[in-house]
Amino acid sequence: MHKILTPVRKKNFGKTQINVYLRLLYRTFRKAGKFSHICKVINHMKEAIYPALMLKKRTRRKSFALLIDPDKVDSQKIGSLIELAVLARVDWLFVGGSLVVSDHLDQVVQQIKSLCKIPVILFPGTPSQVSPYADGLLYLSLISGRNPELLIGQHVISAPAVRKSGLEIMSTGYMVIDGGAPTTVSYITNSLPIPSDKYEIALCTAMAGEMLGMKLIYMDAGSGARRPISTEMIERVSSAIEIPLIIGGGIQDPEKVYLNARAGADLIVVGNAIEKDASLLTEMVAALQAVSV
């Protein structure tokens, strides 16, 4: 086995090679029931986050991400949130927001990294939201809107800094879904969200994103949405793509986490609800893990 794994640590792989390697790992350890060992192997790879997400998708295991907005936390609150995240066994920590007017993104990420080993993934609202202290970055392209700056314009400006950061970069097709109320995302992006009942538009948009080479699809109803993305829309989109599907916005209780995961969401992101009631975190993660069993 050592001879098989060694070359993987020395080079980066494209999506096709990753899929082949994941199938090899899964078949090798399936009978022994050593899923955790596969994850440890992946963690030794130079770019570990995306292969882990793909492996979870192929083995139908769901992930939970806690979203931390640097503008809404101080040092003490970060400490309590991370303690809860570790106890709840959160998979990923997303850091970012639509604005991030404060200038302590680096400090927030560094404090998180000093407190736990949960991978930190940047969820940037602007090109300036890059910290080399994180583990990865969602390179968001707003494929649901028609704003050329957020489709490619800002990426051209940010590309040198993003490449220099050394982060694991994951191209992400970002889709804003109408959550029943104006959101910061819609205002900042100056674009209309996809109507919540237009399943075919969402499905075709996600398919286009995948065929354009996006590694992930992120459907977001926005922070404070009055209604979360429907399970029917999630099911339609999930069944049409082969890359991981991330769902966020308006998720307020463990039941919705469970239903979203059952509908086909691969990764659930919650931030606003935990800011209001941190005790929900453990219940939400438990609900998600129940789908993975």
Protein backbone atom coordinates (compact mmCIF):
# COMPACT_ATOMS: atom_id res chain seq x y z
CA MET A 1 0.00 0.00 0.00
CA HIS A 2 2.82 2.39 0.74
CA LYS A 3 4.01 2.13 -2.88
CA ILE A 4 0.56 3.15 -4.10
CA LEU A 5 0.22 6.16 -1.81
CA THR A 6 3.67 7.70 -2.04
CA PRO A 7 3.40 9.32 -5.51
CA VAL A 8 0.18 11.10 -4.55
CA ARG A 9 2.01 13.20 -2.00
CA LYS A 10 4.37 14.60 -4.59
CA LYS A 11 2.02 16.12 -7.17
CA ASN A 12 -1.33 17.82 -7.66
CA PHE A 13 -4.08 15.95 -9.50
CA GLY A 14 -6.88 17.03 -11.78
CA LYS A 15 -10.47 15.99 -11.17
CA THR A 16 -10.26 12.83 -13.31
CA GLN A 17 -7.13 11.53 -11.57
CA ILE A 18 -8.61 12.37 -8.16
CA ASN A 19 -11.72 10.35 -8.98
CA VAL A 20 -9.62 7.35 -10.06
CA TYR A 21 -7.50 7.55 -6.92
CA LEU A 22 -10.54 7.88 -4.65
CA ARG A 23 -12.11 4.80 -6.20
CA LEU A 24 -8.88 2.90 -5.58
CA LEU A 25 -8.76 4.00 -1.95
CA TYR A 26 -12.40 3.22 -1.36
CA ARG A 27 -12.18 -0.27 -2.83
CA THR A 28 -9.01 -0.98 -0.85
CA PHE A 29 -10.44 -0.05 2.53
CA ARG A 30 -14.14 -0.78 2.01
CA LYS A 31 -14.07 -4.33 3.35
CA ALA A 32 -11.98 -3.33 6.34
CA GLY A 33 -14.32 -0.45 7.17
CA LYS A 34 -11.39 1.94 7.47
CA PHE A 35 -12.95 5.17 6.16
CA SER A 36 -11.06 7.19 8.78
CA HIS A 37 -7.77 5.78 7.47
CA ILE A 38 -8.61 7.01 3.96
CA CYS A 39 -9.19 10.50 5.38
CA LYS A 40 -5.80 10.41 7.11
CA VAL A 41 -4.12 9.47 3.83
CA ILE A 42 -5.86 12.37 2.05
CA ASN A 43 -4.74 14.79 4.74
CA HIS A 44 -1.12 14.08 3.76
CA MET A 45 -1.76 15.23 0.22
CA LYS A 46 -0.70 18.77 -0.72
CA GLU A 47 -4.28 19.72 -1.60
CA ALA A 48 -6.41 17.79 0.87
CA ILE A 49 -9.77 19.55 1.12
CA TYR A 50 -11.27 18.86 -2.30
CA PRO A 51 -10.26 15.18 -2.41
CA ALA A 52 -11.86 14.79 1.02
CA LEU A 53 -15.08 16.43 -0.20
CA MET A 54 -15.16 14.19 -3.26
CA LEU A 55 -14.52 11.09 -1.15
CA LYS A 56 -17.36 12.02 1.19
CA LYS A 57 -19.67 12.51 -1.78
CA ARG A 58 -18.77 9.16 -3.32
CA THR A 59 -19.32 7.39 0.01
CA ARG A 60 -22.50 9.39 0.71
CA ARG A 61 -21.14 10.98 3.84
CA LYS A 62 -22.30 14.50 4.62
CA SER A 63 -20.27 17.46 5.90
CA PHE A 64 -21.07 20.39 8.17
CA ALA A 65 -19.41 23.81 8.03
CA LEU A 66 -19.71 26.53 10.65
CA LEU A 67 -19.58 29.98 9.05
CA ILE A 68 -17.72 32.62 11.07
CA ASP A 69 -18.02 36.27 10.04
CA PRO A 70 -14.95 38.23 11.23
CA ASP A 71 -17.13 41.32 11.67
CA LYS A 72 -19.38 39.56 14.18
CA VAL A 73 -16.87 37.94 16.52
CA ASP A 74 -14.25 38.97 19.01
CA SER A 75 -11.45 36.93 20.54
CA GLN A 76 -13.63 35.59 23.35
CA LYS A 77 -16.50 34.59 21.08
CA ILE A 78 -14.13 32.83 18.69
CA GLY A 79 -12.81 30.78 21.59
CA SER A 80 -16.28 29.66 22.68
CA LEU A 81 -17.38 28.90 19.10
CA ILE A 82 -14.31 26.79 18.38
CA GLU A 83 -14.75 24.88 21.62
CA LEU A 84 -18.31 24.04 20.61
CA ALA A 85 -17.23 23.18 17.06
CA VAL A 86 -14.64 20.70 18.30
CA LEU A 87 -17.09 19.06 20.70
CA ALA A 88 -19.75 18.85 18.00
CA ARG A 89 -17.23 17.42 15.50
CA VAL A 90 -17.76 20.08 12.85
CA ASP A 91 -16.01 19.13 9.58
CA TRP A 92 -15.04 22.55 8.24
CA LEU A 93 -14.83 26.17 9.37
CA PHE A 94 -15.81 28.77 6.77
CA VAL A 95 -14.51 32.29 7.44
CA GLY A 96 -15.78 35.34 5.59
CA GLY A 97 -18.78 37.52 4.87
CA SER A 98 -20.38 39.79 2.31
CA LEU A 99 -18.49 42.85 3.55
CA VAL A 100 -15.86 42.19 6.25
CA VAL A 101 -15.25 45.85 7.08
CA SER A 102 -12.83 44.99 9.87
CA ASP A 103 -9.15 44.46 9.13
CA HIS A 104 -8.48 41.48 11.37
CA LEU A 105 -9.18 38.57 9.01
CA ASP A 106 -5.63 37.26 9.47
CA GLN A 107 -5.92 37.47 13.25
CA VAL A 108 -9.24 35.63 13.26
CA VAL A 109 -7.87 32.82 11.10
CA GLN A 110 -4.66 32.56 13.15
CA GLN A 111 -6.61 32.35 16.40
CA ILE A 112 -8.84 29.61 14.99
CA LYS A 113 -5.81 27.64 13.77
CA SER A 114 -4.21 27.91 17.20
CA LEU A 115 -7.30 26.46 18.87
CA CYS A 116 -8.16 23.49 16.67
CA LYS A 117 -7.20 21.30 13.73
CA ILE A 118 -10.47 21.76 11.82
CA PRO A 119 -9.60 22.97 8.29
CA VAL A 120 -10.31 26.66 7.70
CA ILE A 121 -11.79 27.59 4.32
CA LEU A 122 -12.18 31.21 3.25
CA PHE A 123 -15.62 32.22 1.97
CA PRO A 124 -14.70 35.63 0.51
CA GLY A 125 -17.15 38.40 -0.30
CA THR A 126 -14.47 40.44 -2.06
CA PRO A 127 -11.03 39.75 -3.60
CA SER A 128 -9.37 41.38 -0.59
CA GLN A 129 -10.64 38.67 1.76
CA VAL A 130 -7.60 36.43 1.42
CA SER A 131 -5.48 35.15 4.28
CA PRO A 132 -2.44 32.90 3.77
CA TYR A 133 -3.03 31.40 7.21
CA ALA A 134 -6.15 29.51 6.10
CA ASP A 135 -6.17 26.08 4.45
CA GLY A 136 -8.30 26.74 1.41
CA LEU A 137 -10.40 29.26 -0.46
CA LEU A 138 -13.68 29.06 -2.31
CA TYR A 139 -12.96 30.98 -5.52
CA LEU A 140 -16.52 32.13 -6.06
CA SER A 141 -17.95 32.92 -9.47
CA LEU A 142 -21.53 34.25 -9.35
CA ILE A 143 -23.02 32.05 -12.05
CA SER A 144 -26.64 32.82 -11.09
CA GLY A 145 -26.31 36.52 -11.91
CA ARG A 146 -25.32 38.60 -14.89
CA ASN A 147 -22.75 40.82 -13.21
CA PRO A 148 -19.53 40.40 -15.26
CA GLU A 149 -17.37 41.68 -12.40
CA LEU A 150 -18.46 38.83 -10.15
CA LEU A 151 -18.39 36.29 -12.93
CA ILE A 152 -14.75 36.93 -13.94
CA GLY A 153 -13.76 40.61 -13.54
CA GLN A 154 -12.75 40.55 -9.88
CA HIS A 155 -11.03 37.21 -10.36
CA VAL A 156 -8.68 38.76 -12.91
CA ILE A 157 -7.72 41.42 -10.35
CA SER A 158 -7.34 38.99 -7.46
CA ALA A 159 -5.62 36.14 -9.33
CA PRO A 160 -1.96 37.12 -8.54
CA ALA A 161 -2.66 37.52 -4.81
CA VAL A 162 -4.73 34.33 -4.67
CA ARG A 163 -2.03 32.31 -6.45
CA LYS A 164 0.66 33.78 -4.18
CA SER A 165 -1.32 32.90 -1.04
CA GLY A 166 -0.47 29.20 -1.39
CA LEU A 167 -4.02 28.23 -0.41
CA GLU A 168 -5.87 25.30 -1.89
CA ILE A 169 -8.09 27.04 -4.43
CA MET A 170 -11.47 25.52 -5.25
CA SER A 171 -13.39 27.09 -8.12
CA THR A 172 -16.98 27.40 -6.95
CA GLY A 173 -20.11 28.14 -8.93
CA TYR A 174 -22.02 30.45 -6.57
CA MET A 175 -25.80 30.57 -6.96
CA VAL A 176 -27.94 33.01 -5.01
CA ILE A 177 -31.48 31.71 -4.43
CA ASP A 178 -34.39 33.93 -3.42
CA GLY A 179 -34.92 33.55 0.31
CA GLY A 180 -37.98 35.78 0.58
CA ALA A 181 -36.16 38.91 1.73
CA PRO A 182 -33.53 41.32 0.39
CA THR A 183 -30.07 40.14 1.45
CA THR A 184 -26.65 41.71 1.66
CA VAL A 185 -25.47 39.30 -1.04
CA SER A 186 -28.10 40.47 -3.54
CA TYR A 187 -27.42 44.11 -2.77
CA ILE A 188 -23.64 43.85 -3.01
CA THR A 189 -23.72 41.75 -6.18
CA ASN A 190 -26.34 43.98 -7.82
CA SER A 191 -28.03 40.92 -9.27
CA LEU A 192 -31.37 39.19 -8.92
CA PRO A 193 -31.48 35.79 -7.18
CA ILE A 194 -32.90 32.72 -8.86
CA PRO A 195 -36.62 32.48 -7.92
CA SER A 196 -37.15 29.83 -5.26
CA ASP A 197 -39.66 27.89 -7.38
CA LYS A 198 -37.68 27.90 -10.64
CA TYR A 199 -36.09 24.48 -10.21
CA GLU A 200 -35.16 24.06 -13.87
CA ILE A 201 -33.24 27.36 -13.93
CA ALA A 202 -31.28 26.30 -10.84
CA LEU A 203 -30.65 22.84 -12.30
CA CYS A 204 -29.39 24.17 -15.64
CA THR A 205 -27.26 26.83 -13.96
CA ALA A 206 -25.56 24.21 -11.80
CA MET A 207 -25.03 21.92 -14.78
CA ALA A 208 -23.46 24.77 -16.74
CA GLY A 209 -21.16 25.57 -13.83
CA GLU A 210 -19.99 21.97 -13.64
CA MET A 211 -19.38 21.75 -17.38
CA LEU A 212 -17.43 25.03 -17.26
CA GLY A 213 -15.04 23.33 -14.82
CA MET A 214 -16.30 24.42 -11.41
CA LYS A 215 -15.27 22.02 -8.65
CA LEU A 216 -18.15 22.90 -6.35
CA ILE A 217 -21.66 24.33 -6.57
CA TYR A 218 -22.76 26.57 -3.70
CA MET A 219 -26.47 27.44 -3.46
CA ASP A 220 -27.11 30.22 -0.95
CA ALA A 221 -30.36 31.84 0.19
CA GLY A 222 -28.35 34.48 2.04
CA SER A 223 -27.88 35.31 5.69
CA GLY A 224 -31.18 35.95 7.45
CA ALA A 225 -33.30 34.47 4.65
CA ARG A 226 -36.96 34.13 5.58
CA ARG A 227 -37.19 30.81 3.81
CA PRO A 228 -34.35 28.38 3.15
CA ILE A 229 -33.77 26.64 -0.17
CA SER A 230 -36.45 24.00 -0.73
CA THR A 231 -35.63 20.32 -0.56
CA GLU A 232 -37.17 19.87 -4.02
CA MET A 233 -34.73 22.34 -5.58
CA ILE A 234 -31.82 20.68 -3.74
CA GLU A 235 -32.92 17.24 -4.95
CA ARG A 236 -33.26 18.41 -8.56
CA VAL A 237 -29.85 20.08 -8.64
CA SER A 238 -28.06 17.30 -6.75
CA SER A 239 -29.35 14.63 -9.13
CA ALA A 240 -28.04 16.58 -12.15
CA ILE A 241 -24.42 17.14 -11.10
CA GLU A 242 -21.51 14.96 -10.00
CA ILE A 243 -19.56 17.55 -8.00
CA PRO A 244 -20.24 18.37 -4.33
CA LEU A 245 -23.26 20.57 -3.61
CA ILE A 246 -23.05 23.12 -0.80
CA ILE A 247 -26.23 24.55 0.73
CA GLY A 248 -26.48 27.59 3.00
CA GLY A 249 -28.75 30.43 4.08
CA GLY A 250 -31.85 30.44 6.27
CA ILE A 251 -31.18 27.10 7.96
CA GLN A 252 -32.51 27.57 11.48
CA ASP A 253 -33.01 24.13 12.99
CA PRO A 254 -31.66 20.54 13.01
CA GLU A 255 -34.68 19.24 11.09
CA LYS A 256 -33.88 21.43 8.08
CA VAL A 257 -30.26 20.27 8.20
CA TYR A 258 -31.46 16.67 8.11
CA LEU A 259 -33.94 17.27 5.28
CA ASN A 260 -31.40 19.15 3.15
CA ALA A 261 -28.89 16.35 3.52
CA ARG A 262 -31.51 13.72 2.67
CA ALA A 263 -32.43 15.74 -0.43
CA GLY A 264 -28.85 15.61 -1.72
CA ALA A 265 -26.84 18.39 -0.11
CA ASP A 266 -23.25 17.25 0.44
CA LEU A 267 -22.18 20.09 2.70
CA ILE A 268 -24.42 22.22 4.93
CA VAL A 269 -23.28 25.70 5.98
CA VAL A 270 -24.80 27.45 9.00
CA GLY A 271 -23.74 30.74 10.51
CA ASN A 272 -26.54 33.12 11.47
CA ALA A 273 -28.54 30.58 13.48
CA ILE A 274 -25.47 29.63 15.54
CA GLU A 275 -24.73 33.31 16.18
CA LYS A 276 -28.19 33.57 17.77
CA ASP A 277 -28.13 30.23 19.61
CA ALA A 278 -24.80 28.42 19.81
CA SER A 279 -26.40 25.42 21.50
CA LEU A 280 -27.97 24.46 18.14
CA LEU A 281 -24.59 23.48 16.74
CA THR A 282 -24.35 20.06 18.40
CA GLU A 283 -27.93 19.17 17.44
CA MET A 284 -27.41 20.25 13.82
CA VAL A 285 -24.25 18.22 13.39
CA ALA A 286 -25.92 15.20 15.00
CA ALA A 287 -28.85 15.52 12.60
CA LEU A 288 -26.45 15.60 9.66
CA GLN A 289 -24.50 12.60 10.87
CA ALA A 290 -27.75 10.64 11.12
CA VAL A 291 -28.07 10.89 7.34
CA SER A 292 -24.53 9.61 6.83
CA VAL A 293 -25.12 6.42 8.83
